């Protein structure tokens, strides 16, 4: 078999993550495991510009992205390159995030604290036509999406970043702490908090915390009677 034929047998992956160091680390690891990284992007808009021409086999995308979040990007990718498989790569392991991304069209979900080989396994599994989601979430993934979501009053649609900020608020972090955790400015954290209050019509941190606990966005809910 010629070298060019060998290259064609590699899984062709496109990376979408707004952290260059994450992309560099993932690219290096995948390359060392015979997976070809054919392109990358730091946000959804850049990804949408590049993927149609590259037509990768698999797109590995972060859940939290600036401008257009990972869920919306997944929906757009499904329309733009329907034959390409999608794997969400996230810092969040909560059921809410996994179910949301599955409903947006991803075939796999891997958290960033899992062993790196899990991402390789997920890429290979979805490439071969399978699904790769965290254990113990089968029932949630099979539950049909509600016609109207009760967790978003008035039809308010929370972005993945807002869900992330809500989770950290519920875990007791201040705006400053959230900013440090997410690598954003304090003012940006405050803006996300204000948007949450307006969308959910909940004005206090206590109220937002209760909302997050009721919907399982934080493990703190396990300690509540």
N, C-alpha and C. Protein backbone atom coordinates (compact mmCIF):
# COMPACT_ATOMS: atom_id res chain seq x y z
N UNK A 1 0.85 -1.21 0.00
CA UNK A 1 0.00 0.00 0.00
C UNK A 1 0.87 1.25 0.00
N UNK A 2 0.52 2.22 -0.83
CA UNK A 2 1.31 3.43 -0.92
C UNK A 2 1.10 4.32 0.30
N UNK A 3 2.06 5.23 0.54
CA UNK A 3 1.97 6.14 1.68
C UNK A 3 0.73 6.99 1.62
N UNK A 4 0.34 7.42 0.39
CA UNK A 4 -0.85 8.25 0.25
C UNK A 4 -2.10 7.48 0.65
N UNK A 5 -2.12 6.17 0.35
CA UNK A 5 -3.26 5.35 0.75
C UNK A 5 -3.32 5.19 2.26
N UNK A 6 -2.15 5.09 2.89
CA UNK A 6 -2.11 4.98 4.34
C UNK A 6 -2.69 6.23 4.98
N UNK A 7 -2.37 7.38 4.41
CA UNK A 7 -2.87 8.63 4.96
C UNK A 7 -4.39 8.68 4.91
N UNK A 8 -4.97 8.14 3.81
CA UNK A 8 -6.41 8.20 3.65
C UNK A 8 -7.13 7.33 4.67
N UNK A 9 -6.43 6.34 5.23
CA UNK A 9 -7.08 5.46 6.20
C UNK A 9 -7.14 6.10 7.59
N UNK A 10 -6.41 7.19 7.82
CA UNK A 10 -6.44 7.87 9.12
C UNK A 10 -7.77 8.60 9.30
N UNK A 11 -8.25 8.62 10.53
CA UNK A 11 -9.44 9.41 10.83
C UNK A 11 -9.05 10.88 10.80
N UNK A 12 -9.81 11.67 10.08
CA UNK A 12 -9.51 13.10 9.90
C UNK A 12 -10.36 13.90 10.88
N UNK A 13 -9.69 14.60 11.79
CA UNK A 13 -10.38 15.30 12.88
C UNK A 13 -10.17 16.81 12.78
N UNK A 14 -11.22 17.55 13.11
CA UNK A 14 -11.14 19.01 13.20
C UNK A 14 -11.43 19.40 14.65
N UNK A 15 -10.59 20.26 15.24
CA UNK A 15 -10.71 20.66 16.64
C UNK A 15 -11.30 22.06 16.76
N UNK A 16 -12.25 22.22 17.69
CA UNK A 16 -12.81 23.54 17.98
C UNK A 16 -12.73 23.77 19.49
N UNK A 17 -11.85 24.69 19.90
CA UNK A 17 -11.71 25.04 21.32
C UNK A 17 -11.10 26.43 21.39
N UNK A 18 -11.60 27.26 22.30
CA UNK A 18 -11.10 28.63 22.35
C UNK A 18 -9.82 28.78 23.15
N UNK A 19 -9.27 27.67 23.64
CA UNK A 19 -8.00 27.72 24.37
C UNK A 19 -6.89 27.09 23.52
N UNK A 20 -5.95 27.89 23.02
CA UNK A 20 -4.88 27.36 22.16
C UNK A 20 -4.08 26.23 22.79
N UNK A 21 -3.82 26.33 24.10
CA UNK A 21 -3.04 25.27 24.75
C UNK A 21 -3.79 23.94 24.76
N UNK A 22 -5.12 24.00 24.91
CA UNK A 22 -5.93 22.78 24.86
C UNK A 22 -5.84 22.17 23.47
N UNK A 23 -6.01 23.01 22.46
CA UNK A 23 -5.94 22.51 21.07
C UNK A 23 -4.57 21.89 20.79
N UNK A 24 -3.52 22.56 21.25
CA UNK A 24 -2.17 22.05 21.01
C UNK A 24 -1.97 20.68 21.68
N UNK A 25 -2.43 20.56 22.93
CA UNK A 25 -2.28 19.30 23.64
C UNK A 25 -3.07 18.18 23.01
N UNK A 26 -4.33 18.47 22.62
CA UNK A 26 -5.18 17.45 22.00
C UNK A 26 -4.61 17.05 20.64
N UNK A 27 -4.19 18.05 19.86
CA UNK A 27 -3.63 17.75 18.54
C UNK A 27 -2.42 16.84 18.65
N UNK A 28 -1.53 17.17 19.58
CA UNK A 28 -0.32 16.36 19.76
C UNK A 28 -0.67 14.93 20.17
N UNK A 29 -1.61 14.80 21.10
CA UNK A 29 -1.98 13.47 21.59
C UNK A 29 -2.63 12.64 20.48
N UNK A 30 -3.56 13.25 19.76
CA UNK A 30 -4.25 12.51 18.69
C UNK A 30 -3.27 12.10 17.59
N UNK A 31 -2.37 13.01 17.24
CA UNK A 31 -1.39 12.70 16.21
C UNK A 31 -0.52 11.52 16.61
N UNK A 32 -0.17 11.47 17.90
CA UNK A 32 0.64 10.35 18.40
C UNK A 32 -0.13 9.04 18.43
N UNK A 33 -1.45 9.13 18.25
CA UNK A 33 -2.28 7.91 18.23
C UNK A 33 -2.90 7.70 16.84
N UNK A 34 -2.15 8.15 15.83
CA UNK A 34 -2.49 7.90 14.42
C UNK A 34 -3.83 8.47 14.00
N UNK A 35 -4.22 9.59 14.59
CA UNK A 35 -5.42 10.32 14.17
C UNK A 35 -4.95 11.65 13.59
N UNK A 36 -5.36 11.95 12.37
CA UNK A 36 -4.89 13.15 11.67
C UNK A 36 -5.75 14.35 12.03
N UNK A 37 -5.15 15.39 12.58
CA UNK A 37 -5.85 16.65 12.85
C UNK A 37 -5.66 17.54 11.63
N UNK A 38 -6.75 17.70 10.86
CA UNK A 38 -6.65 18.39 9.57
C UNK A 38 -6.95 19.89 9.67
N UNK A 39 -7.42 20.33 10.84
CA UNK A 39 -7.71 21.75 11.01
C UNK A 39 -8.19 22.04 12.40
N UNK A 40 -8.25 23.33 12.75
CA UNK A 40 -8.71 23.72 14.07
C UNK A 40 -9.24 25.14 14.03
N UNK A 41 -10.02 25.47 15.05
CA UNK A 41 -10.61 26.81 15.14
C UNK A 41 -10.76 27.18 16.61
N UNK A 42 -10.73 28.50 16.86
CA UNK A 42 -10.86 28.99 18.22
C UNK A 42 -12.27 29.40 18.58
N UNK A 43 -13.16 29.42 17.59
CA UNK A 43 -14.56 29.74 17.87
C UNK A 43 -15.43 29.13 16.78
N UNK A 44 -16.75 29.21 17.00
CA UNK A 44 -17.69 28.56 16.09
C UNK A 44 -17.68 29.17 14.70
N UNK A 45 -17.58 30.50 14.64
CA UNK A 45 -17.61 31.16 13.33
C UNK A 45 -16.43 30.73 12.47
N UNK A 46 -15.25 30.65 13.08
CA UNK A 46 -14.08 30.20 12.33
C UNK A 46 -14.25 28.76 11.89
N UNK A 47 -14.82 27.93 12.78
CA UNK A 47 -15.04 26.52 12.44
C UNK A 47 -15.97 26.38 11.24
N UNK A 48 -17.05 27.14 11.24
CA UNK A 48 -18.02 27.04 10.15
C UNK A 48 -17.42 27.49 8.82
N UNK A 49 -16.46 28.41 8.88
CA UNK A 49 -15.79 28.85 7.65
C UNK A 49 -14.89 27.75 7.08
N UNK A 50 -14.30 26.95 7.94
CA UNK A 50 -13.27 26.01 7.51
C UNK A 50 -13.76 24.59 7.22
N UNK A 51 -14.76 24.13 7.98
CA UNK A 51 -15.07 22.69 7.93
C UNK A 51 -15.67 22.23 6.61
N UNK A 52 -16.44 23.09 5.95
CA UNK A 52 -17.09 22.65 4.72
C UNK A 52 -16.06 22.24 3.67
N UNK A 53 -14.99 23.03 3.58
CA UNK A 53 -13.94 22.72 2.60
C UNK A 53 -13.13 21.50 3.03
N UNK A 54 -12.87 21.37 4.32
CA UNK A 54 -12.03 20.27 4.81
C UNK A 54 -12.79 18.95 4.90
N UNK A 55 -14.11 19.02 5.15
CA UNK A 55 -14.95 17.83 5.28
C UNK A 55 -14.31 16.76 6.17
N UNK A 56 -14.04 17.08 7.45
CA UNK A 56 -13.41 16.10 8.34
C UNK A 56 -14.34 14.93 8.65
N UNK A 57 -13.76 13.84 9.10
CA UNK A 57 -14.58 12.69 9.51
C UNK A 57 -15.26 12.96 10.85
N UNK A 58 -14.53 13.64 11.74
CA UNK A 58 -15.03 13.91 13.09
C UNK A 58 -14.66 15.33 13.49
N UNK A 59 -15.61 16.03 14.10
CA UNK A 59 -15.31 17.33 14.72
C UNK A 59 -15.36 17.16 16.22
N UNK A 60 -14.29 17.55 16.91
CA UNK A 60 -14.25 17.56 18.37
C UNK A 60 -14.45 19.00 18.80
N UNK A 61 -15.56 19.28 19.47
CA UNK A 61 -15.88 20.67 19.79
C UNK A 61 -16.11 20.89 21.27
N UNK A 62 -15.60 22.01 21.75
CA UNK A 62 -15.83 22.41 23.13
C UNK A 62 -17.30 22.79 23.29
N UNK A 63 -17.83 22.60 24.48
CA UNK A 63 -19.23 22.95 24.76
C UNK A 63 -19.37 24.46 24.95
N UNK A 64 -18.39 25.06 25.60
CA UNK A 64 -18.43 26.50 25.89
C UNK A 64 -17.54 27.25 24.92
N UNK A 65 -18.15 28.00 24.04
CA UNK A 65 -17.41 28.76 23.05
C UNK A 65 -17.91 30.20 23.02
N UNK A 66 -17.06 31.15 22.68
CA UNK A 66 -17.51 32.53 22.58
C UNK A 66 -18.42 32.73 21.38
N UNK A 67 -19.29 33.70 21.46
CA UNK A 67 -20.18 34.10 20.36
C UNK A 67 -21.29 33.07 20.11
N UNK A 68 -20.94 31.94 19.56
CA UNK A 68 -21.92 30.86 19.31
C UNK A 68 -21.52 29.68 20.17
N UNK A 69 -22.42 29.19 21.04
CA UNK A 69 -22.02 28.12 21.94
C UNK A 69 -21.97 26.77 21.22
N UNK A 70 -21.44 25.77 21.94
CA UNK A 70 -21.22 24.47 21.34
C UNK A 70 -22.48 23.79 20.85
N UNK A 71 -23.60 23.99 21.57
CA UNK A 71 -24.85 23.37 21.16
C UNK A 71 -25.33 23.90 19.82
N UNK A 72 -25.31 25.21 19.68
CA UNK A 72 -25.73 25.81 18.41
C UNK A 72 -24.76 25.45 17.29
N UNK A 73 -23.47 25.40 17.60
CA UNK A 73 -22.49 24.99 16.59
C UNK A 73 -22.78 23.57 16.12
N UNK A 74 -23.08 22.67 17.06
CA UNK A 74 -23.39 21.29 16.69
C UNK A 74 -24.58 21.23 15.73
N UNK A 75 -25.62 22.00 16.02
CA UNK A 75 -26.80 22.01 15.15
C UNK A 75 -26.43 22.50 13.74
N UNK A 76 -25.62 23.54 13.68
CA UNK A 76 -25.24 24.08 12.37
C UNK A 76 -24.33 23.12 11.60
N UNK A 77 -23.45 22.44 12.32
CA UNK A 77 -22.57 21.47 11.67
C UNK A 77 -23.36 20.30 11.10
N UNK A 78 -24.39 19.90 11.81
CA UNK A 78 -25.23 18.78 11.33
C UNK A 78 -25.88 19.13 10.00
N UNK A 79 -26.24 20.42 9.84
CA UNK A 79 -26.85 20.85 8.58
C UNK A 79 -25.79 21.04 7.49
N UNK A 80 -24.64 21.57 7.88
CA UNK A 80 -23.59 21.92 6.91
C UNK A 80 -22.82 20.71 6.40
N UNK A 81 -22.45 19.82 7.31
CA UNK A 81 -21.67 18.63 6.94
C UNK A 81 -22.31 17.40 7.61
N UNK A 82 -23.47 16.98 7.12
CA UNK A 82 -24.25 15.92 7.79
C UNK A 82 -23.54 14.58 7.94
N UNK A 83 -22.55 14.30 7.10
CA UNK A 83 -21.86 13.01 7.20
C UNK A 83 -20.77 13.01 8.27
N UNK A 84 -20.40 14.18 8.75
CA UNK A 84 -19.34 14.30 9.76
C UNK A 84 -19.89 13.96 11.14
N UNK A 85 -19.14 13.20 11.92
CA UNK A 85 -19.52 12.86 13.29
C UNK A 85 -19.05 13.95 14.25
N UNK A 86 -19.77 14.10 15.35
CA UNK A 86 -19.46 15.16 16.32
C UNK A 86 -19.22 14.58 17.71
N UNK A 87 -18.14 15.03 18.34
CA UNK A 87 -17.84 14.64 19.72
C UNK A 87 -17.68 15.91 20.56
N UNK A 88 -18.52 16.05 21.59
CA UNK A 88 -18.39 17.19 22.50
C UNK A 88 -17.26 16.92 23.48
N UNK A 89 -16.47 17.95 23.75
CA UNK A 89 -15.32 17.83 24.65
C UNK A 89 -15.45 18.94 25.68
N UNK A 90 -15.78 18.58 26.92
CA UNK A 90 -16.23 19.59 27.88
C UNK A 90 -15.62 19.40 29.26
N UNK A 91 -15.59 20.51 30.02
CA UNK A 91 -15.19 20.44 31.42
C UNK A 91 -16.34 20.00 32.31
N UNK A 92 -17.55 19.92 31.74
CA UNK A 92 -18.75 19.61 32.53
C UNK A 92 -19.18 18.16 32.37
N UNK A 93 -19.52 17.53 33.47
CA UNK A 93 -19.96 16.13 33.43
C UNK A 93 -21.43 15.98 33.82
N UNK A 94 -22.12 17.08 34.09
CA UNK A 94 -23.51 16.98 34.55
C UNK A 94 -24.42 16.47 33.44
N UNK A 95 -25.46 15.78 33.85
CA UNK A 95 -26.42 15.20 32.91
C UNK A 95 -27.03 16.26 32.01
N UNK A 96 -27.27 17.46 32.56
CA UNK A 96 -27.91 18.53 31.78
C UNK A 96 -27.09 18.87 30.54
N UNK A 97 -25.77 18.96 30.69
CA UNK A 97 -24.91 19.29 29.56
C UNK A 97 -24.88 18.15 28.54
N UNK A 98 -24.76 16.92 29.03
CA UNK A 98 -24.67 15.77 28.13
C UNK A 98 -25.95 15.63 27.31
N UNK A 99 -27.10 15.73 27.99
CA UNK A 99 -28.38 15.59 27.29
C UNK A 99 -28.57 16.71 26.28
N UNK A 100 -28.24 17.92 26.68
CA UNK A 100 -28.39 19.05 25.75
C UNK A 100 -27.57 18.85 24.49
N UNK A 101 -26.31 18.45 24.64
CA UNK A 101 -25.45 18.27 23.47
C UNK A 101 -25.92 17.10 22.62
N UNK A 102 -26.41 16.04 23.26
CA UNK A 102 -26.93 14.91 22.49
C UNK A 102 -28.12 15.34 21.65
N UNK A 103 -28.98 16.18 22.22
CA UNK A 103 -30.15 16.67 21.48
C UNK A 103 -29.78 17.66 20.39
N UNK A 104 -28.58 18.22 20.51
CA UNK A 104 -28.09 19.13 19.46
C UNK A 104 -27.38 18.36 18.33
N UNK A 105 -27.22 17.05 18.49
CA UNK A 105 -26.72 16.24 17.39
C UNK A 105 -25.37 15.59 17.54
N UNK A 106 -24.72 15.72 18.73
CA UNK A 106 -23.41 15.06 18.87
C UNK A 106 -23.61 13.57 19.08
N UNK A 107 -22.64 12.80 18.62
CA UNK A 107 -22.69 11.34 18.81
C UNK A 107 -21.83 10.87 19.97
N UNK A 108 -21.03 11.80 20.53
CA UNK A 108 -20.17 11.43 21.65
C UNK A 108 -19.97 12.59 22.59
N UNK A 109 -19.62 12.28 23.84
CA UNK A 109 -19.39 13.33 24.85
C UNK A 109 -18.29 12.84 25.78
N UNK A 110 -17.21 13.62 25.85
CA UNK A 110 -16.06 13.27 26.70
C UNK A 110 -15.73 14.49 27.55
N UNK A 111 -15.46 14.27 28.84
CA UNK A 111 -15.08 15.39 29.70
C UNK A 111 -13.56 15.53 29.72
N UNK A 112 -13.12 16.76 29.98
CA UNK A 112 -11.70 17.05 29.89
C UNK A 112 -10.89 16.48 31.05
N UNK A 113 -11.59 15.97 32.08
CA UNK A 113 -10.85 15.35 33.18
C UNK A 113 -10.75 13.83 33.02
N UNK A 114 -11.30 13.29 31.93
CA UNK A 114 -11.16 11.86 31.67
C UNK A 114 -9.76 11.59 31.09
N UNK A 115 -9.30 10.34 31.18
CA UNK A 115 -8.01 9.99 30.57
C UNK A 115 -8.03 10.32 29.08
N UNK A 116 -6.93 10.86 28.55
CA UNK A 116 -6.89 11.24 27.13
C UNK A 116 -7.28 10.13 26.17
N UNK A 117 -6.98 8.89 26.54
CA UNK A 117 -7.33 7.78 25.65
C UNK A 117 -8.83 7.64 25.47
N UNK A 118 -9.61 8.16 26.43
CA UNK A 118 -11.07 8.11 26.28
C UNK A 118 -11.52 8.93 25.08
N UNK A 119 -10.83 10.04 24.82
CA UNK A 119 -11.17 10.86 23.65
C UNK A 119 -10.84 10.11 22.37
N UNK A 120 -9.70 9.44 22.35
CA UNK A 120 -9.33 8.63 21.19
C UNK A 120 -10.39 7.55 20.94
N UNK A 121 -10.80 6.89 22.02
CA UNK A 121 -11.81 5.84 21.90
C UNK A 121 -13.13 6.40 21.37
N UNK A 122 -13.52 7.56 21.88
CA UNK A 122 -14.76 8.19 21.44
C UNK A 122 -14.72 8.53 19.95
N UNK A 123 -13.60 9.10 19.52
CA UNK A 123 -13.46 9.46 18.11
C UNK A 123 -13.58 8.22 17.22
N UNK A 124 -12.88 7.15 17.60
CA UNK A 124 -12.92 5.93 16.80
C UNK A 124 -14.32 5.31 16.80
N UNK A 125 -14.98 5.37 17.95
CA UNK A 125 -16.30 4.76 18.09
C UNK A 125 -17.33 5.47 17.22
N UNK A 126 -17.37 6.81 17.29
CA UNK A 126 -18.37 7.53 16.49
C UNK A 126 -18.03 7.45 15.00
N UNK A 127 -16.75 7.43 14.68
CA UNK A 127 -16.32 7.30 13.29
C UNK A 127 -16.86 6.01 12.67
N UNK A 128 -16.90 4.97 13.50
CA UNK A 128 -17.40 3.67 13.03
C UNK A 128 -18.91 3.55 13.09
N UNK A 129 -19.58 4.64 13.47
CA UNK A 129 -21.04 4.64 13.48
C UNK A 129 -21.69 4.42 14.82
N UNK A 130 -20.88 4.37 15.89
CA UNK A 130 -21.44 4.15 17.22
C UNK A 130 -21.69 5.45 17.98
N UNK A 131 -22.12 5.29 19.22
CA UNK A 131 -22.33 6.42 20.13
C UNK A 131 -21.39 6.26 21.32
N UNK A 132 -20.98 7.37 21.89
CA UNK A 132 -20.04 7.30 23.03
C UNK A 132 -20.43 8.37 24.04
N UNK A 133 -21.22 7.96 25.05
CA UNK A 133 -21.66 8.88 26.09
C UNK A 133 -21.30 8.31 27.46
N UNK A 134 -21.26 9.17 28.49
CA UNK A 134 -20.92 8.70 29.84
C UNK A 134 -21.86 7.59 30.31
N UNK A 135 -21.30 6.67 31.07
CA UNK A 135 -22.11 5.57 31.60
C UNK A 135 -23.18 6.09 32.56
N UNK A 136 -24.28 5.40 32.61
CA UNK A 136 -25.34 5.75 33.55
C UNK A 136 -26.30 6.82 33.08
N UNK A 137 -26.17 7.26 31.84
CA UNK A 137 -27.05 8.32 31.34
C UNK A 137 -27.98 7.84 30.22
N UNK A 138 -28.08 6.54 30.05
CA UNK A 138 -28.89 6.00 28.96
C UNK A 138 -30.34 6.44 29.04
N UNK A 139 -30.94 6.34 30.24
CA UNK A 139 -32.35 6.72 30.39
C UNK A 139 -32.58 8.18 30.05
N UNK A 140 -31.69 9.04 30.52
CA UNK A 140 -31.84 10.48 30.26
C UNK A 140 -31.71 10.78 28.78
N UNK A 141 -30.78 10.09 28.11
CA UNK A 141 -30.55 10.34 26.69
C UNK A 141 -31.72 9.84 25.85
N UNK A 142 -32.40 8.80 26.32
CA UNK A 142 -33.52 8.24 25.57
C UNK A 142 -34.83 8.96 25.83
N UNK A 143 -34.87 9.81 26.87
CA UNK A 143 -36.09 10.55 27.19
C UNK A 143 -36.33 11.61 26.13
N UNK A 144 -37.52 11.62 25.51
CA UNK A 144 -37.79 12.63 24.47
C UNK A 144 -37.69 14.05 25.03
N UNK A 145 -37.24 14.96 24.20
CA UNK A 145 -37.17 16.37 24.61
C UNK A 145 -38.58 16.91 24.77
N UNK A 146 -38.84 17.69 25.83
CA UNK A 146 -40.17 18.28 26.02
C UNK A 146 -40.47 19.27 24.91
N UNK A 147 -41.76 19.40 24.57
CA UNK A 147 -42.15 20.34 23.52
C UNK A 147 -41.83 21.77 23.91
N UNK A 148 -42.01 22.06 25.18
CA UNK A 148 -41.60 23.37 25.70
C UNK A 148 -40.88 23.13 27.00
N UNK A 149 -39.71 23.70 27.14
CA UNK A 149 -38.86 23.41 28.29
C UNK A 149 -39.30 24.17 29.53
N UNK A 150 -39.72 23.47 30.61
CA UNK A 150 -40.16 24.15 31.81
C UNK A 150 -39.01 24.81 32.56
N UNK A 151 -37.76 24.41 32.24
CA UNK A 151 -36.64 24.98 32.99
C UNK A 151 -36.20 26.32 32.42
N UNK A 152 -36.87 26.77 31.38
CA UNK A 152 -36.54 28.05 30.79
C UNK A 152 -37.81 28.88 30.69
N UNK A 153 -38.24 29.53 31.78
CA UNK A 153 -39.48 30.26 31.81
C UNK A 153 -39.58 31.27 30.69
N UNK A 154 -40.82 31.36 30.15
CA UNK A 154 -41.05 32.34 29.10
C UNK A 154 -40.29 32.03 27.82
N UNK A 155 -39.84 30.77 27.67
CA UNK A 155 -39.10 30.40 26.47
C UNK A 155 -37.67 30.90 26.48
N UNK A 156 -37.19 31.36 27.64
CA UNK A 156 -35.82 31.87 27.72
C UNK A 156 -34.83 30.75 27.42
N UNK A 157 -33.91 31.02 26.53
CA UNK A 157 -32.92 30.02 26.13
C UNK A 157 -31.57 30.37 26.76
N UNK A 158 -31.11 29.51 27.65
CA UNK A 158 -29.83 29.75 28.30
C UNK A 158 -28.71 29.24 27.42
N UNK A 159 -27.67 30.05 27.25
CA UNK A 159 -26.50 29.60 26.51
C UNK A 159 -25.69 28.66 27.39
N UNK A 160 -24.76 27.94 26.78
CA UNK A 160 -23.90 27.05 27.57
C UNK A 160 -23.06 27.84 28.56
N UNK A 161 -22.62 29.02 28.17
CA UNK A 161 -21.83 29.84 29.09
C UNK A 161 -22.67 30.27 30.29
N UNK A 162 -23.94 30.63 30.04
CA UNK A 162 -24.83 31.01 31.13
C UNK A 162 -25.09 29.83 32.07
N UNK A 163 -25.24 28.63 31.50
CA UNK A 163 -25.39 27.43 32.32
C UNK A 163 -24.15 27.21 33.18
N UNK A 164 -23.01 27.48 32.60
CA UNK A 164 -21.74 27.32 33.32
C UNK A 164 -21.65 28.30 34.47
N UNK A 165 -21.99 29.57 34.21
CA UNK A 165 -21.97 30.60 35.25
C UNK A 165 -22.99 30.25 36.34
N UNK A 166 -24.16 29.79 35.94
CA UNK A 166 -25.19 29.40 36.91
C UNK A 166 -24.68 28.29 37.82
N UNK A 167 -24.02 27.31 37.24
CA UNK A 167 -23.48 26.20 38.02
C UNK A 167 -22.46 26.70 39.04
N UNK A 168 -21.56 27.58 38.61
CA UNK A 168 -20.53 28.09 39.51
C UNK A 168 -21.12 28.99 40.59
N UNK A 169 -22.16 29.75 40.25
CA UNK A 169 -22.86 30.55 41.27
C UNK A 169 -23.44 29.64 42.34
N UNK A 170 -24.05 28.54 41.88
CA UNK A 170 -24.66 27.61 42.82
C UNK A 170 -23.63 26.94 43.71
N UNK A 171 -22.40 26.85 43.23
CA UNK A 171 -21.33 26.23 44.01
C UNK A 171 -20.65 27.24 44.93
N UNK A 172 -21.18 28.47 44.95
CA UNK A 172 -20.73 29.46 45.92
C UNK A 172 -19.67 30.43 45.45
N UNK A 173 -19.33 30.40 44.17
CA UNK A 173 -18.30 31.31 43.68
C UNK A 173 -18.86 32.72 43.48
N UNK A 174 -18.04 33.71 43.77
CA UNK A 174 -18.40 35.11 43.54
C UNK A 174 -18.17 35.43 42.07
N UNK A 175 -18.57 36.63 41.64
CA UNK A 175 -18.30 37.05 40.26
C UNK A 175 -16.80 37.01 39.98
N UNK A 176 -16.01 37.43 40.96
CA UNK A 176 -14.55 37.41 40.79
C UNK A 176 -14.04 35.98 40.66
N UNK A 177 -14.58 35.09 41.49
CA UNK A 177 -14.18 33.70 41.44
C UNK A 177 -14.57 33.03 40.13
N UNK A 178 -15.77 33.36 39.65
CA UNK A 178 -16.24 32.82 38.36
C UNK A 178 -15.33 33.31 37.24
N UNK A 179 -15.00 34.60 37.28
CA UNK A 179 -14.13 35.17 36.25
C UNK A 179 -12.78 34.45 36.21
N UNK A 180 -12.20 34.21 37.39
CA UNK A 180 -10.91 33.52 37.46
C UNK A 180 -11.03 32.08 36.95
N UNK A 181 -12.11 31.43 37.31
CA UNK A 181 -12.32 30.03 36.93
C UNK A 181 -12.46 29.87 35.42
N UNK A 182 -13.17 30.81 34.79
CA UNK A 182 -13.48 30.71 33.37
C UNK A 182 -12.51 31.47 32.48
N UNK A 183 -11.62 32.25 33.10
CA UNK A 183 -10.67 33.02 32.31
C UNK A 183 -11.32 34.19 31.59
N UNK A 184 -12.32 34.79 32.22
CA UNK A 184 -13.01 35.95 31.65
C UNK A 184 -12.88 37.12 32.61
N UNK A 185 -13.30 38.30 32.17
CA UNK A 185 -13.23 39.47 33.05
C UNK A 185 -14.36 39.43 34.08
N UNK A 186 -14.16 40.14 35.18
CA UNK A 186 -15.20 40.22 36.21
C UNK A 186 -16.46 40.84 35.62
N UNK A 187 -16.29 41.86 34.78
CA UNK A 187 -17.45 42.51 34.17
C UNK A 187 -18.24 41.54 33.29
N UNK A 188 -17.53 40.68 32.57
CA UNK A 188 -18.22 39.68 31.73
C UNK A 188 -18.99 38.70 32.60
N UNK A 189 -18.39 38.30 33.73
CA UNK A 189 -19.08 37.41 34.66
C UNK A 189 -20.35 38.08 35.20
N UNK A 190 -20.23 39.36 35.53
CA UNK A 190 -21.38 40.10 36.03
C UNK A 190 -22.48 40.19 34.98
N UNK A 191 -22.08 40.38 33.73
CA UNK A 191 -23.06 40.47 32.64
C UNK A 191 -23.81 39.15 32.48
N UNK A 192 -23.09 38.02 32.55
CA UNK A 192 -23.75 36.71 32.47
C UNK A 192 -24.73 36.54 33.63
N UNK A 193 -24.32 36.96 34.82
CA UNK A 193 -25.20 36.87 35.99
C UNK A 193 -26.47 37.71 35.78
N UNK A 194 -26.30 38.91 35.23
CA UNK A 194 -27.46 39.78 34.97
C UNK A 194 -28.38 39.15 33.93
N UNK A 195 -27.80 38.57 32.90
CA UNK A 195 -28.61 37.92 31.86
C UNK A 195 -29.41 36.76 32.43
N UNK A 196 -28.78 35.98 33.32
CA UNK A 196 -29.47 34.88 33.96
C UNK A 196 -30.68 35.38 34.75
N UNK A 197 -30.46 36.45 35.53
CA UNK A 197 -31.55 37.00 36.34
C UNK A 197 -32.71 37.46 35.48
N UNK A 198 -32.39 38.11 34.36
CA UNK A 198 -33.44 38.61 33.48
C UNK A 198 -34.18 37.47 32.79
N UNK A 199 -33.43 36.49 32.27
CA UNK A 199 -34.05 35.38 31.54
C UNK A 199 -34.92 34.51 32.43
N UNK A 200 -34.46 34.27 33.66
CA UNK A 200 -35.16 33.37 34.57
C UNK A 200 -36.10 34.11 35.52
N UNK A 201 -36.01 35.43 35.51
CA UNK A 201 -36.80 36.26 36.43
C UNK A 201 -36.53 35.88 37.88
N UNK A 202 -35.24 35.63 38.17
CA UNK A 202 -34.79 35.30 39.52
C UNK A 202 -33.70 36.31 39.87
N UNK A 203 -33.93 37.12 40.89
CA UNK A 203 -33.06 38.26 41.15
C UNK A 203 -31.98 38.02 42.19
N UNK A 204 -32.09 36.94 42.97
CA UNK A 204 -31.12 36.71 44.04
C UNK A 204 -30.23 35.51 43.76
N UNK A 205 -29.05 35.51 44.36
CA UNK A 205 -28.15 34.37 44.23
C UNK A 205 -28.78 33.12 44.84
N UNK A 206 -29.47 33.31 45.96
CA UNK A 206 -30.14 32.17 46.60
C UNK A 206 -31.16 31.54 45.66
N UNK A 207 -31.90 32.40 44.95
CA UNK A 207 -32.90 31.89 44.01
C UNK A 207 -32.27 31.16 42.84
N UNK A 208 -31.17 31.72 42.32
CA UNK A 208 -30.47 31.07 41.22
C UNK A 208 -29.86 29.74 41.66
N UNK A 209 -29.36 29.71 42.90
CA UNK A 209 -28.79 28.48 43.44
C UNK A 209 -29.86 27.40 43.55
N UNK A 210 -31.03 27.77 44.06
CA UNK A 210 -32.13 26.82 44.18
C UNK A 210 -32.53 26.28 42.81
N UNK A 211 -32.58 27.17 41.83
CA UNK A 211 -32.93 26.77 40.46
C UNK A 211 -31.94 25.75 39.92
N UNK A 212 -30.63 26.02 40.13
CA UNK A 212 -29.59 25.12 39.65
C UNK A 212 -29.65 23.75 40.34
N UNK A 213 -29.91 23.77 41.65
CA UNK A 213 -30.00 22.52 42.41
C UNK A 213 -31.18 21.68 41.95
N UNK A 214 -32.31 22.32 41.71
CA UNK A 214 -33.51 21.60 41.30
C UNK A 214 -33.32 20.91 39.96
N UNK A 215 -32.45 21.46 39.12
CA UNK A 215 -32.26 20.90 37.79
C UNK A 215 -30.98 20.08 37.67
N UNK A 216 -30.35 19.81 38.79
CA UNK A 216 -29.18 18.92 38.79
C UNK A 216 -27.96 19.48 38.10
N UNK A 217 -27.84 20.81 38.05
CA UNK A 217 -26.68 21.41 37.39
C UNK A 217 -25.43 21.39 38.26
N UNK A 218 -25.59 21.04 39.54
CA UNK A 218 -24.46 20.94 40.45
C UNK A 218 -24.66 19.77 41.38
N UNK A 219 -23.58 19.11 41.77
CA UNK A 219 -23.65 17.98 42.68
C UNK A 219 -24.07 18.39 44.07
N UNK A 220 -24.09 19.69 44.34
CA UNK A 220 -24.54 20.14 45.65
C UNK A 220 -25.96 19.69 45.93
N UNK A 221 -26.70 19.42 44.84
CA UNK A 221 -28.06 18.96 45.00
C UNK A 221 -28.16 17.67 45.77
N UNK A 222 -27.09 16.86 45.74
CA UNK A 222 -27.10 15.59 46.45
C UNK A 222 -27.12 15.77 47.95
N UNK A 223 -26.72 16.97 48.42
CA UNK A 223 -26.66 17.21 49.85
C UNK A 223 -27.92 17.89 50.38
N UNK A 224 -28.87 18.13 49.45
CA UNK A 224 -30.09 18.80 49.86
C UNK A 224 -31.18 17.78 50.10
N UNK A 225 -31.91 17.97 51.16
CA UNK A 225 -33.00 17.05 51.45
C UNK A 225 -34.20 17.39 50.58
